[in-house]
Protein backbone atom coordinates (compact mmCIF):
# COMPACT_ATOMS: atom_id res chain seq x y z
CA MET A 1 3.64 16.30 -8.11
CA SER A 2 0.99 19.10 -9.53
CA ALA A 3 -0.21 21.55 -6.89
CA ASN A 4 -3.69 20.05 -7.32
CA GLU A 5 -2.30 16.70 -6.73
CA ILE A 6 -2.96 15.11 -3.36
CA PRO A 7 -0.10 12.68 -1.96
CA SER A 8 -1.28 9.39 -1.10
CA ARG A 9 -1.08 7.81 2.52
CA GLU A 10 1.57 5.22 3.12
CA VAL A 11 0.10 1.75 4.01
CA ALA A 12 -0.26 0.64 7.49
CA ARG A 13 1.74 -2.34 8.01
CA ARG A 14 0.39 -5.09 10.23
CA VAL A 15 3.05 -6.55 12.48
CA PHE A 16 3.23 -8.27 15.72
CA ALA A 17 5.35 -6.72 18.81
CA ASP A 18 7.94 -9.08 18.66
CA GLU A 19 9.26 -8.18 15.13
CA PHE A 20 8.56 -4.61 15.29
CA ASN A 21 10.91 -4.81 18.57
CA ASP A 22 13.64 -6.12 16.59
CA ALA A 23 13.54 -3.72 13.80
CA ALA A 24 16.12 -0.77 14.37
CA PHE A 25 16.82 0.09 10.94
CA THR A 26 15.70 3.06 9.05
CA PHE A 27 15.80 4.57 5.80
CA LYS A 28 14.34 7.09 3.05
CA GLU A 29 14.13 6.14 -0.60
CA SER A 30 14.86 10.06 -1.97
CA ASP A 31 17.11 12.71 -1.17
CA ASP A 32 13.92 14.78 -0.48
CA ASP A 33 13.78 16.24 3.05
CA ARG A 34 10.04 15.49 2.92
CA ALA A 35 10.46 11.84 1.59
CA PRO A 36 9.08 9.30 4.22
CA VAL A 37 11.40 7.72 6.70
CA TYR A 38 10.66 3.79 6.93
CA LEU A 39 11.21 1.03 9.63
CA LEU A 40 12.98 -2.01 8.19
CA LEU A 41 10.77 -5.15 9.29
CA PRO A 42 13.16 -8.33 9.64
CA THR A 43 10.77 -10.08 7.42
CA GLY A 44 11.49 -8.16 4.63
CA GLU A 45 9.07 -5.25 4.29
CA LYS A 46 9.16 -1.33 4.75
CA ALA A 47 6.93 0.12 7.42
CA ASN A 48 6.06 4.08 7.44
CA ARG A 49 3.08 3.26 9.24
CA VAL A 50 1.82 0.54 11.60
CA PHE A 51 -1.58 -1.17 12.66
CA PHE A 52 -1.74 -2.99 15.46
CA VAL A 53 -4.25 -4.31 18.18
CA GLY A 54 -3.64 -5.50 21.44
CA THR A 55 -4.99 -4.75 25.32
CA LEU A 56 -3.78 -1.44 26.88
CA THR A 57 -2.17 -2.60 30.08
CA GLU A 58 -0.79 0.49 31.59
CA LYS A 59 -0.78 4.00 30.83
CA ASP A 60 1.28 7.23 32.50
CA ASP A 61 1.62 10.67 32.03
CA VAL A 62 5.28 11.03 31.78
CA GLY A 63 5.63 14.61 30.56
CA GLU A 64 7.17 17.89 32.43
CA ASP A 65 5.88 21.16 31.23
CA ASN A 66 2.90 19.62 29.37
CA GLU A 67 1.17 16.25 29.22
CA TYR A 68 3.11 13.43 27.36
CA TRP A 69 1.26 10.17 27.68
CA ARG A 70 2.78 6.56 27.47
CA GLY A 71 1.02 3.57 26.21
CA ARG A 72 2.11 -0.11 27.10
CA ILE A 73 -0.24 -2.66 24.85
CA VAL A 74 0.59 -6.03 24.64
CA ASP A 75 -0.35 -8.45 21.85
CA PRO A 76 0.27 -12.21 22.06
CA THR A 77 4.01 -11.87 20.94
CA GLY A 78 5.12 -8.80 23.51
CA THR A 79 4.93 -5.34 24.01
CA PHE A 80 4.21 -2.08 21.92
CA PHE A 81 4.97 1.04 23.37
CA VAL A 82 3.14 4.27 22.53
CA TYR A 83 3.92 8.03 23.37
CA ALA A 84 1.55 11.02 22.34
CA GLY A 85 1.74 14.66 23.36
CA GLN A 86 0.43 17.94 22.34
CA TYR A 87 1.12 17.12 18.48
CA GLN A 88 -0.88 13.96 18.70
CA PRO A 89 -4.20 15.47 20.64
CA GLU A 90 -6.96 12.97 20.11
CA ALA A 91 -4.08 10.41 20.80
CA ALA A 92 -3.60 12.04 24.05
CA SER A 93 -6.89 12.56 24.96
CA THR A 94 -7.96 9.02 24.36
CA LEU A 95 -4.78 7.58 26.16
CA ARG A 96 -6.08 10.44 29.13
CA GLU A 97 -9.15 8.86 29.16
CA LEU A 98 -9.11 5.22 28.96
CA GLU A 99 -8.93 3.00 31.63
CA ALA A 100 -6.56 0.00 31.78
CA PRO A 101 -7.00 -2.77 30.85
CA ALA A 102 -8.70 -2.67 27.50
CA TYR A 103 -8.22 -3.07 23.81
CA VAL A 104 -7.13 -0.70 21.70
CA ALA A 105 -6.53 -0.78 17.51
CA VAL A 106 -3.61 1.81 16.82
CA VAL A 107 -2.62 2.96 13.58
CA GLY A 108 0.55 5.01 13.73
CA LYS A 109 4.36 5.68 12.87
CA PRO A 110 7.18 4.07 14.50
CA ARG A 111 9.94 5.75 15.85
CA THR A 112 13.99 4.55 17.22
CA TYR A 113 15.79 6.17 19.51
CA GLU A 114 19.68 5.33 20.21
CA THR A 115 20.46 4.86 24.03
CA ASP A 116 23.65 5.63 25.34
CA ASP A 117 24.52 2.02 25.28
CA GLY A 118 23.89 2.37 21.31
CA SER A 119 20.96 -0.06 21.31
CA VAL A 120 17.91 0.94 19.66
CA ASN A 121 14.53 1.26 21.06
CA VAL A 122 11.38 1.26 19.09
CA SER A 123 8.36 3.06 19.78
CA VAL A 124 5.02 4.18 17.90
CA ARG A 125 4.08 8.03 17.67
CA PRO A 126 0.28 7.11 17.46
CA GLU A 127 -2.21 8.47 14.79
CA SER A 128 -5.30 7.38 16.20
CA ILE A 129 -6.20 5.02 19.14
CA GLN A 130 -9.79 3.22 18.79
CA VAL A 131 -11.01 0.88 21.77
CA VAL A 132 -12.71 -2.19 20.34
CA ASP A 133 -13.20 -5.67 21.79
CA ALA A 134 -12.30 -9.14 21.37
CA ALA A 135 -13.31 -10.09 18.40
CA THR A 136 -11.38 -7.44 17.12
CA ARG A 137 -8.41 -8.62 19.01
CA ASP A 138 -8.59 -11.54 17.53
CA ARG A 139 -9.55 -11.11 14.21
CA TRP A 140 -6.37 -8.67 14.05
CA VAL A 141 -4.16 -11.55 15.40
CA VAL A 142 -5.00 -13.85 12.66
CA GLU A 143 -4.76 -11.44 9.58
CA THR A 144 -1.32 -10.26 10.84
CA ALA A 145 -0.08 -14.01 11.28
CA GLU A 146 -1.34 -14.20 7.81
CA ARG A 147 0.52 -11.23 6.59
CA THR A 148 3.76 -12.38 8.73
CA LEU A 149 3.93 -15.86 6.90
CA ASP A 150 3.22 -14.17 3.67
CA ARG A 151 6.23 -12.16 4.09
CA ILE A 152 8.12 -14.77 5.19
CA GLY A 153 7.22 -16.97 2.28
CA ALA A 154 8.36 -14.42 -0.16
CA PHE A 155 11.85 -13.26 1.88
CA GLU A 156 13.74 -15.79 -0.71
CA GLN A 157 11.96 -14.38 -3.85
CA GLU A 158 14.50 -13.07 -6.83
CA GLY A 159 14.05 -9.22 -6.78
CA ASN A 160 12.82 -8.72 -3.22
CA GLU A 161 14.52 -5.49 -2.13
CA TYR A 162 13.56 -5.21 1.18
CA ALA A 163 14.15 -8.71 2.09
CA ARG A 164 17.99 -8.51 0.77
CA MET A 165 18.48 -4.91 2.55
CA ALA A 166 16.80 -7.30 6.08
CA ARG A 167 19.23 -9.84 5.13
CA GLU A 168 22.32 -7.32 5.26
CA GLU A 169 20.82 -5.07 7.94
CA TYR A 170 19.58 -7.98 10.75
CA ASP A 171 21.36 -11.08 11.68
CA LEU A 172 18.28 -12.77 13.08
CA PRO A 173 16.81 -16.05 12.37
CA ILE A 174 13.61 -15.64 10.01
CA ASP A 175 11.86 -18.60 11.15
CA ARG A 176 11.63 -16.97 14.96
CA TYR A 177 8.83 -14.83 13.17
CA LYS A 178 6.92 -17.85 11.76
CA GLN A 179 7.24 -19.53 15.24
CA SER A 180 6.01 -16.40 16.90
CA ALA A 181 3.14 -16.05 14.55
CA VAL A 182 2.04 -19.99 15.04
CA SER A 183 1.78 -19.36 18.77
CA ALA A 184 -0.16 -16.04 18.59
CA LEU A 185 -2.69 -18.32 16.71
CA GLU A 186 -2.17 -20.82 19.04
CA SER A 187 -3.06 -18.73 22.08
CA LEU A 188 -6.27 -17.88 20.22
CA ASP A 189 -7.47 -21.62 20.91
CA GLU A 190 -6.08 -21.60 24.85
CA SER A 191 -7.39 -19.07 26.33
CA ASP A 192 -11.04 -17.35 26.44
CA SER A 193 -11.50 -15.04 23.65
CA ASP A 194 -12.43 -12.29 26.44
CA GLU A 195 -9.94 -12.37 29.13
CA LEU A 196 -10.74 -8.89 30.28
CA GLY A 197 -14.50 -9.61 30.76
CA LEU A 198 -15.18 -6.97 28.35
CA ASP A 199 -18.14 -7.41 26.32
CA GLY A 200 -19.77 -5.55 23.48
CA GLY A 201 -16.61 -3.60 22.58
CA VAL A 202 -17.81 -0.42 20.19
CA SER A 203 -21.35 0.56 19.24
CA ASP A 204 -22.35 1.56 15.65
CA ASP A 205 -21.77 5.11 16.41
CA GLU A 206 -18.30 4.66 18.02
CA GLY A 207 -17.54 1.86 15.17
CA GLU A 208 -16.44 4.30 12.53
CA SER A 209 -12.36 4.73 13.37
CA GLY A 210 -12.16 8.39 12.76
CA ASP A 211 -9.56 7.99 10.22
CA GLU A 212 -11.23 6.16 6.84
CA ASP A 213 -8.53 6.33 4.83
CA VAL A 214 -6.15 4.49 7.00
CA ILE A 215 -5.16 1.76 5.41
CA ASP A 216 -2.75 -1.62 5.67
CA ASP A 217 -1.39 -3.97 3.11
CA GLU A 218 -4.56 -4.92 1.64
CA GLY A 219 -6.24 -1.49 2.16
CA ASP A 220 -8.47 -2.30 5.19
CA GLY A 221 -9.18 0.10 7.77
CA ALA A 222 -9.24 0.09 11.37
CA ALA A 223 -12.97 0.51 11.10
CA ASP A 224 -12.86 -2.93 8.93
CA LEU A 225 -11.83 -4.61 12.10
CA GLN A 226 -14.95 -4.65 13.45
CA PRO A 227 -16.77 -7.76 14.41
CA GLU A 228 -19.21 -9.05 11.99
CA GLN A 229 -22.40 -9.04 12.93
């Protein structure tokens, strides 16, 4: 890479909480110390960054000497945990100011931690946290279900290197993620689209993500998730 060449950012993968929490294997694709670390999703995709939308149900300052915020964010399939401290000042400030419950869109990097009993916990170090509305959350559910089903459809294709890795690393039935995607879609029909009683979401001024180059599998950013007018 030349001195004038700007490295591109890794895409942020849409993934449901149940699949994300099942992912425990991380890897690099080169020996370079600065090479990105990827989380291997059980449906056969690598993820250096993730993009999810859910309901912030709890937040706590779990730091000792400095603020270190933990947020619990729920989607139709399970729970994401995000942690933000002094090295994620914008995300930490957002968590500090937010009142639960609230719909939020999060872009961040997966982090794994091995516990004393040998199990692996997965969390997210957020790059950005944006308040959104129910329509935005619903659209994310639909699009994430589509991406999940696309990955499952390509799982057995010849030459799918990440699917091969997933078969080697995880002893998990792939159909479980198809079932959870379908259940997530069904949950949109079974409940009021705005069960928090929130209205309006973000204004035009607040609608920009503040991170316009955040992209996911197809180049969409968090700002693109705003409800259509």
